[in-house]
Amino acid sequence: MVSYIIRRILLMIPTVLISTILIFSMIHLIPGDPAAVMLGDTATEAQVELLREKMGLNESYPVQYYRWIKNALQGDLGDSIFAHTPVAEVIRVRAETSIFVALFSMIIIILIGISIGVLSALKYNSFLDQFFMGIAMFGAAIPTFWSGLILMLLFAVNLKWLPTSGFPGVLQTGNLSNFRYLVMPCVALAIPNAALIIRLTRSTMLDVAKEDYVRTAKAKGLTNTKVNIKHILRNALIPVLSALGFTFVGLMSGAVVTENVFALPGLGQLIVQSILRRDYPVIQGIVLFVVLAYMAVNLLIDISFAYLDPRIRYN
């Protein structure tokens, strides 16, 4: 297992290198000039060229890439063109919201998705199963912005239980009551994703229940509880765990619609603003952060497979 983890980490190095090349190349293909955007339409070509030279944008792409990757290896992602602050600090401030939203949404998704999916599989083809599948289909079809607006209308406007928008933060303020700002966004994000986990858990458990080793376990006299938990659910969790890992990274980096509906200062909103402003250092930093997070989650998922499925062995 240790050798497998070391090999996986070593394989991540060329993957990260290729990712940085793709990130840098695709971002610089975006139409527009940051210097021209900063100075506005009234700026002359000489002023724009002077600012481009000051920011190093007039250098060749290989030189810009080399400077960026060299500084990134030292922990310096550059400075935001518009905020005039280090990119790492900009990402750190915004990442708090995105990480908390993703974390709390995942808790809701796991509690609802796996529990209902297991119950639906155990009650296969019953009224309860059909009811849960209908709810899951309905939840998967609901757009997050619509469910967010409905939750806001009900719990913020009518009942006045929760704040409508924003997130003051918790790490800096130390006020744990600020988590109430994230209740509605997390529920809105969890609804469609929980529906996916419900259906995936149910279908995977039904497929595993048809395997020969399950019939063998039943023939040996094991109770239904032991068979369902130790043999069926444990092996059925492998594809579910993969889906949960990808969902977490997606929630952390791509909840743009929900962040705009609830005015959350997260990474999704930041990257949209940065693209509109042509703030290359911020865009590169966020995408690199997401790539590293995705690879770290993927590594943890692969490692956990060996503990969930005894048939998997890493030499």
Protein backbone atom coordinates (compact mmCIF):
# COMPACT_ATOMS: atom_id res chain seq x y z
CA MET A 1 0.00 0.00 0.00
CA VAL A 2 2.80 2.43 0.87
CA SER A 3 4.58 1.78 -2.44
CA TYR A 4 1.31 2.31 -4.30
CA ILE A 5 0.76 5.68 -2.60
CA ILE A 6 4.33 6.76 -3.43
CA ARG A 7 3.89 5.75 -7.09
CA ARG A 8 0.62 7.63 -7.30
CA ILE A 9 2.17 10.78 -5.86
CA LEU A 10 5.08 10.55 -8.30
CA LEU A 11 2.65 10.11 -11.20
CA MET A 12 0.87 13.27 -10.09
CA ILE A 13 3.96 15.36 -10.86
CA PRO A 14 3.82 15.09 -14.70
CA THR A 15 0.03 15.36 -14.51
CA VAL A 16 0.32 18.66 -12.65
CA LEU A 17 2.95 19.88 -15.11
CA ILE A 18 0.75 19.10 -18.12
CA SER A 19 -2.20 20.71 -16.35
CA THR A 20 -0.28 23.94 -15.78
CA ILE A 21 0.64 24.10 -19.48
CA LEU A 22 -3.00 23.59 -20.49
CA ILE A 23 -4.20 26.12 -17.92
CA PHE A 24 -1.75 28.78 -19.06
CA SER A 25 -2.40 28.16 -22.76
CA MET A 26 -6.20 28.14 -22.57
CA ILE A 27 -6.40 31.22 -20.35
CA HIS A 28 -4.23 33.25 -22.70
CA LEU A 29 -6.51 32.27 -25.58
CA ILE A 30 -9.33 34.26 -23.94
CA PRO A 31 -10.02 37.33 -26.10
CA GLY A 32 -9.23 40.67 -24.51
CA ASP A 33 -6.35 42.55 -22.95
CA PRO A 34 -6.15 43.05 -19.15
CA ALA A 35 -4.31 46.34 -19.62
CA ALA A 36 -7.00 47.68 -21.96
CA VAL A 37 -9.74 46.53 -19.57
CA MET A 38 -8.05 48.27 -16.63
CA LEU A 39 -7.49 51.58 -18.43
CA GLY A 40 -10.87 51.69 -20.15
CA ASP A 41 -11.92 52.79 -23.61
CA THR A 42 -10.41 56.28 -23.26
CA ALA A 43 -6.82 55.03 -22.93
CA THR A 44 -4.40 55.50 -25.79
CA GLU A 45 -2.36 52.70 -27.34
CA ALA A 46 0.79 54.11 -25.75
CA GLN A 47 -0.77 53.97 -22.29
CA VAL A 48 -1.98 50.43 -22.84
CA GLU A 49 1.43 49.33 -24.10
CA LEU A 50 3.15 50.97 -21.13
CA LEU A 51 0.90 49.11 -18.69
CA ARG A 52 1.39 45.83 -20.57
CA GLU A 53 5.16 46.25 -20.24
CA LYS A 54 4.81 47.03 -16.53
CA MET A 55 2.76 43.86 -15.97
CA GLY A 56 5.04 41.73 -18.16
CA LEU A 57 2.27 40.94 -20.67
CA ASN A 58 4.37 41.98 -23.66
CA GLU A 59 6.82 39.13 -23.11
CA SER A 60 6.52 35.88 -25.02
CA TYR A 61 4.22 33.17 -23.69
CA PRO A 62 7.07 30.72 -22.84
CA VAL A 63 8.76 33.42 -20.75
CA GLN A 64 5.51 34.27 -18.97
CA TYR A 65 4.82 30.58 -18.32
CA TYR A 66 8.33 29.95 -17.00
CA ARG A 67 8.06 32.91 -14.63
CA TRP A 68 4.63 31.82 -13.43
CA ILE A 69 5.52 28.16 -12.80
CA LYS A 70 8.84 29.10 -11.16
CA ASN A 71 7.08 31.41 -8.71
CA ALA A 72 4.23 28.91 -8.19
CA LEU A 73 6.71 26.25 -7.06
CA GLN A 74 7.84 28.71 -4.40
CA GLY A 75 4.26 29.33 -3.28
CA ASP A 76 3.91 32.63 -5.13
CA LEU A 77 0.98 32.69 -7.56
CA GLY A 78 1.51 36.34 -8.39
CA ASP A 79 -0.64 39.35 -7.65
CA SER A 80 -4.18 40.03 -8.79
CA ILE A 81 -4.20 42.61 -11.57
CA PHE A 82 -7.29 44.34 -10.20
CA ALA A 83 -7.19 43.64 -6.45
CA HIS A 84 -3.43 44.35 -6.22
CA THR A 85 -3.11 41.63 -3.58
CA PRO A 86 -1.42 38.21 -3.73
CA VAL A 87 -3.49 35.62 -5.57
CA ALA A 88 -2.96 33.12 -2.75
CA GLU A 89 -4.58 35.56 -0.31
CA VAL A 90 -7.50 36.20 -2.68
CA ILE A 91 -8.09 32.46 -3.05
CA ARG A 92 -7.73 31.87 0.71
CA VAL A 93 -10.42 34.42 1.54
CA ARG A 94 -12.85 33.06 -1.06
CA ALA A 95 -12.01 29.40 -0.46
CA GLU A 96 -13.45 29.52 3.07
CA THR A 97 -16.97 29.98 1.71
CA SER A 98 -16.60 27.39 -1.05
CA ILE A 99 -15.08 24.74 1.23
CA PHE A 100 -17.76 25.17 3.90
CA VAL A 101 -20.53 25.06 1.29
CA ALA A 102 -19.06 21.93 -0.29
CA LEU A 103 -18.48 20.26 3.08
CA PHE A 104 -21.96 20.87 4.49
CA SER A 105 -23.59 20.00 1.17
CA MET A 106 -21.67 16.71 1.12
CA ILE A 107 -22.87 15.88 4.63
CA ILE A 108 -26.47 16.36 3.50
CA ILE A 109 -25.87 14.40 0.30
CA ILE A 110 -24.29 11.46 2.14
CA LEU A 111 -26.93 11.30 4.88
CA ILE A 112 -29.86 11.53 2.49
CA GLY A 113 -28.43 9.88 -0.62
CA ILE A 114 -26.89 6.75 0.86
CA SER A 115 -29.55 6.10 3.52
CA ILE A 116 -32.49 6.47 1.14
CA GLY A 117 -30.65 4.60 -1.61
CA VAL A 118 -29.98 1.65 0.72
CA LEU A 119 -33.57 1.63 1.98
CA SER A 120 -34.92 1.80 -1.55
CA ALA A 121 -32.72 -1.14 -2.62
CA LEU A 122 -33.81 -3.23 0.36
CA LYS A 123 -37.47 -2.46 -0.46
CA TYR A 124 -37.00 -3.04 -4.17
CA ASN A 125 -40.12 -2.72 -6.30
CA SER A 126 -42.30 -1.82 -3.33
CA PHE A 127 -44.43 1.30 -2.95
CA LEU A 128 -41.68 2.86 -0.80
CA ASP A 129 -39.10 2.18 -3.50
CA GLN A 130 -41.27 3.74 -6.20
CA PHE A 131 -41.97 6.74 -3.95
CA PHE A 132 -38.27 7.35 -3.29
CA MET A 133 -37.42 6.98 -6.97
CA GLY A 134 -40.10 9.51 -7.86
CA ILE A 135 -38.71 11.95 -5.31
CA ALA A 136 -35.19 11.37 -6.65
CA MET A 137 -36.29 12.03 -10.23
CA PHE A 138 -38.05 15.20 -9.13
CA GLY A 139 -35.01 16.36 -7.15
CA ALA A 140 -32.65 15.71 -10.07
CA ALA A 141 -34.87 17.78 -12.38
CA ILE A 142 -35.00 20.85 -10.12
CA PRO A 143 -32.53 23.60 -11.13
CA THR A 144 -30.46 24.83 -8.20
CA PHE A 145 -31.36 28.46 -8.82
CA TRP A 146 -35.10 27.64 -8.69
CA SER A 147 -34.84 25.60 -5.49
CA GLY A 148 -32.65 28.34 -4.03
CA LEU A 149 -35.25 31.00 -4.78
CA ILE A 150 -38.05 28.85 -3.33
CA LEU A 151 -36.06 28.24 -0.14
CA MET A 152 -35.26 31.94 0.11
CA LEU A 153 -38.92 32.88 -0.34
CA LEU A 154 -40.09 30.37 2.26
CA PHE A 155 -37.47 30.49 5.01
CA ALA A 156 -36.04 34.00 4.60
CA VAL A 157 -38.91 36.15 3.36
CA ASN A 158 -42.02 34.50 4.80
CA LEU A 159 -40.80 32.71 7.94
CA LYS A 160 -37.75 34.97 8.50
CA TRP A 161 -35.80 32.07 10.01
CA LEU A 162 -32.67 32.47 7.89
CA PRO A 163 -30.77 35.39 6.28
CA THR A 164 -31.37 35.92 2.60
CA SER A 165 -27.83 36.25 1.28
CA GLY A 166 -24.16 36.79 1.99
CA PHE A 167 -21.72 35.05 4.32
CA PRO A 168 -19.68 37.13 6.83
CA GLY A 169 -17.29 34.25 7.44
CA VAL A 170 -16.46 32.19 10.48
CA LEU A 171 -12.68 31.73 10.62
CA GLN A 172 -11.94 35.44 10.93
CA THR A 173 -15.02 36.53 12.88
CA GLY A 174 -15.16 33.47 15.14
CA ASN A 175 -18.95 33.70 15.11
CA LEU A 176 -20.33 30.19 14.57
CA SER A 177 -23.85 31.55 14.15
CA ASN A 178 -22.79 32.80 10.71
CA PHE A 179 -23.16 29.22 9.49
CA ARG A 180 -26.89 29.92 9.24
CA TYR A 181 -26.10 31.89 6.07
CA LEU A 182 -25.08 28.61 4.41
CA VAL A 183 -28.12 26.50 5.28
CA MET A 184 -30.22 27.36 2.23
CA PRO A 185 -27.33 27.32 -0.29
CA CYS A 186 -26.19 23.91 0.95
CA VAL A 187 -29.71 22.46 0.78
CA ALA A 188 -30.21 23.87 -2.72
CA LEU A 189 -26.94 22.29 -3.87
CA ALA A 190 -27.58 19.00 -2.09
CA ILE A 191 -31.02 18.33 -3.65
CA PRO A 192 -29.93 17.36 -7.21
CA ASN A 193 -26.71 15.69 -6.07
CA ALA A 194 -28.47 13.65 -3.37
CA ALA A 195 -30.91 12.47 -6.03
CA LEU A 196 -27.96 11.16 -8.07
CA ILE A 197 -26.47 9.34 -5.07
CA ILE A 198 -29.86 7.81 -4.21
CA ARG A 199 -30.23 6.31 -7.67
CA LEU A 200 -26.58 5.23 -7.86
CA THR A 201 -26.63 3.57 -4.43
CA ARG A 202 -29.86 1.74 -5.21
CA SER A 203 -28.80 0.47 -8.63
CA THR A 204 -25.33 -0.57 -7.43
CA MET A 205 -26.71 -2.48 -4.44
CA LEU A 206 -29.17 -4.30 -6.69
CA ASP A 207 -26.34 -5.27 -9.06
CA VAL A 208 -24.08 -6.47 -6.24
CA ALA A 209 -26.93 -8.49 -4.71
CA LYS A 210 -26.91 -10.68 -7.85
CA GLU A 211 -23.25 -11.68 -7.45
CA ASP A 212 -22.29 -15.28 -6.64
CA TYR A 213 -20.51 -14.44 -3.39
CA VAL A 214 -23.72 -12.90 -2.04
CA ARG A 215 -25.65 -16.09 -2.76
CA THR A 216 -22.83 -18.07 -1.17
CA ALA A 217 -22.97 -15.92 1.96
CA LYS A 218 -26.71 -16.48 2.22
CA ALA A 219 -26.26 -20.23 1.69
CA LYS A 220 -23.81 -20.34 4.60
CA GLY A 221 -26.56 -19.09 6.87
CA LEU A 222 -25.48 -15.50 7.40
CA THR A 223 -28.23 -13.15 8.50
CA ASN A 224 -29.70 -10.66 6.05
CA THR A 225 -28.23 -7.80 8.07
CA LYS A 226 -24.68 -9.15 7.78
CA VAL A 227 -25.10 -9.92 4.09
CA ASN A 228 -26.54 -6.48 3.33
CA ILE A 229 -23.91 -4.54 5.27
CA LYS A 230 -20.73 -6.61 4.91
CA HIS A 231 -21.12 -8.03 1.42
CA ILE A 232 -23.59 -5.87 -0.52
CA LEU A 233 -23.29 -2.33 0.86
CA ARG A 234 -19.53 -2.45 1.34
CA ASN A 235 -18.89 -3.37 -2.30
CA ALA A 236 -21.66 -1.13 -3.59
CA LEU A 237 -20.01 1.90 -1.99
CA ILE A 238 -17.06 1.83 -4.40
CA PRO A 239 -18.75 3.60 -7.35
CA VAL A 240 -20.74 5.73 -4.89
CA LEU A 241 -17.53 6.89 -3.26
CA SER A 242 -16.09 7.83 -6.65
CA ALA A 243 -19.18 9.89 -7.43
CA LEU A 244 -19.01 11.59 -4.02
CA GLY A 245 -15.38 12.55 -4.56
CA PHE A 246 -16.05 14.17 -7.92
CA THR A 247 -19.16 15.83 -6.50
CA PHE A 248 -17.17 17.41 -3.66
CA VAL A 249 -14.63 19.00 -6.01
CA GLY A 250 -17.44 20.16 -8.29
CA LEU A 251 -19.31 21.74 -5.40
CA MET A 252 -16.18 23.47 -4.17
CA SER A 253 -15.29 25.04 -7.50
CA GLY A 254 -18.39 25.17 -9.68
CA ALA A 255 -21.33 26.38 -7.57
CA VAL A 256 -21.47 29.58 -9.62
CA VAL A 257 -25.26 29.79 -9.94
CA THR A 258 -25.91 29.16 -6.26
CA GLU A 259 -23.22 31.63 -5.21
CA ASN A 260 -24.85 34.31 -7.36
CA VAL A 261 -28.36 33.55 -6.10
CA PHE A 262 -27.29 33.83 -2.46
CA ALA A 263 -24.51 36.40 -3.06
CA LEU A 264 -21.87 34.11 -1.56
CA PRO A 265 -18.22 35.27 -1.85
CA GLY A 266 -16.91 31.93 -3.15
CA LEU A 267 -14.48 30.67 -5.77
CA GLY A 268 -17.17 30.20 -8.42
CA GLN A 269 -18.19 33.84 -8.29
CA LEU A 270 -14.54 34.92 -8.15
CA ILE A 271 -13.51 33.02 -11.28
CA VAL A 272 -16.43 34.48 -13.27
CA GLN A 273 -15.45 37.99 -12.20
CA SER A 274 -11.81 37.29 -13.01
CA ILE A 275 -12.65 36.03 -16.49
CA LEU A 276 -14.68 39.15 -17.22
CA ARG A 277 -11.79 41.32 -16.00
CA ARG A 278 -9.11 39.23 -17.76
CA ASP A 279 -7.35 38.83 -14.41
CA TYR A 280 -4.99 36.10 -15.61
CA PRO A 281 -3.10 35.45 -12.34
CA VAL A 282 -6.33 34.88 -10.38
CA ILE A 283 -7.80 32.61 -13.06
CA GLN A 284 -4.62 30.55 -13.24
CA GLY A 285 -4.42 30.31 -9.46
CA ILE A 286 -8.03 29.16 -9.03
CA VAL A 287 -7.86 26.56 -11.80
CA LEU A 288 -4.55 25.25 -10.43
CA PHE A 289 -6.09 25.04 -6.95
CA VAL A 290 -9.05 23.09 -8.32
CA VAL A 291 -6.76 20.70 -10.24
CA LEU A 292 -4.70 19.99 -7.12
CA ALA A 293 -7.85 19.49 -5.05
CA TYR A 294 -9.28 17.10 -7.65
CA MET A 295 -6.07 15.05 -7.72
CA ALA A 296 -5.87 14.91 -3.92
CA VAL A 297 -9.48 13.73 -3.64
CA ASN A 298 -8.93 11.19 -6.41
CA LEU A 299 -5.87 9.83 -4.57
CA LEU A 300 -7.85 9.46 -1.33
CA ILE A 301 -10.64 7.66 -3.19
CA ASP A 302 -8.24 5.17 -4.77
CA ILE A 303 -6.62 4.47 -1.42
CA SER A 304 -9.99 3.89 0.23
CA PHE A 305 -10.94 1.29 -2.40
CA ALA A 306 -8.52 -1.19 -0.89
CA TYR A 307 -10.29 -0.98 2.46
CA LEU A 308 -13.79 -1.23 1.04
CA ASP A 309 -13.20 -4.14 -1.33
CA PRO A 310 -10.98 -7.00 -0.09
CA ARG A 311 -10.56 -8.19 -3.67
CA ILE A 312 -8.50 -5.11 -4.48
CA ARG A 313 -4.82 -5.40 -3.63
CA TYR A 314 -2.13 -2.84 -4.35
CA ASN A 315 1.42 -4.18 -4.50
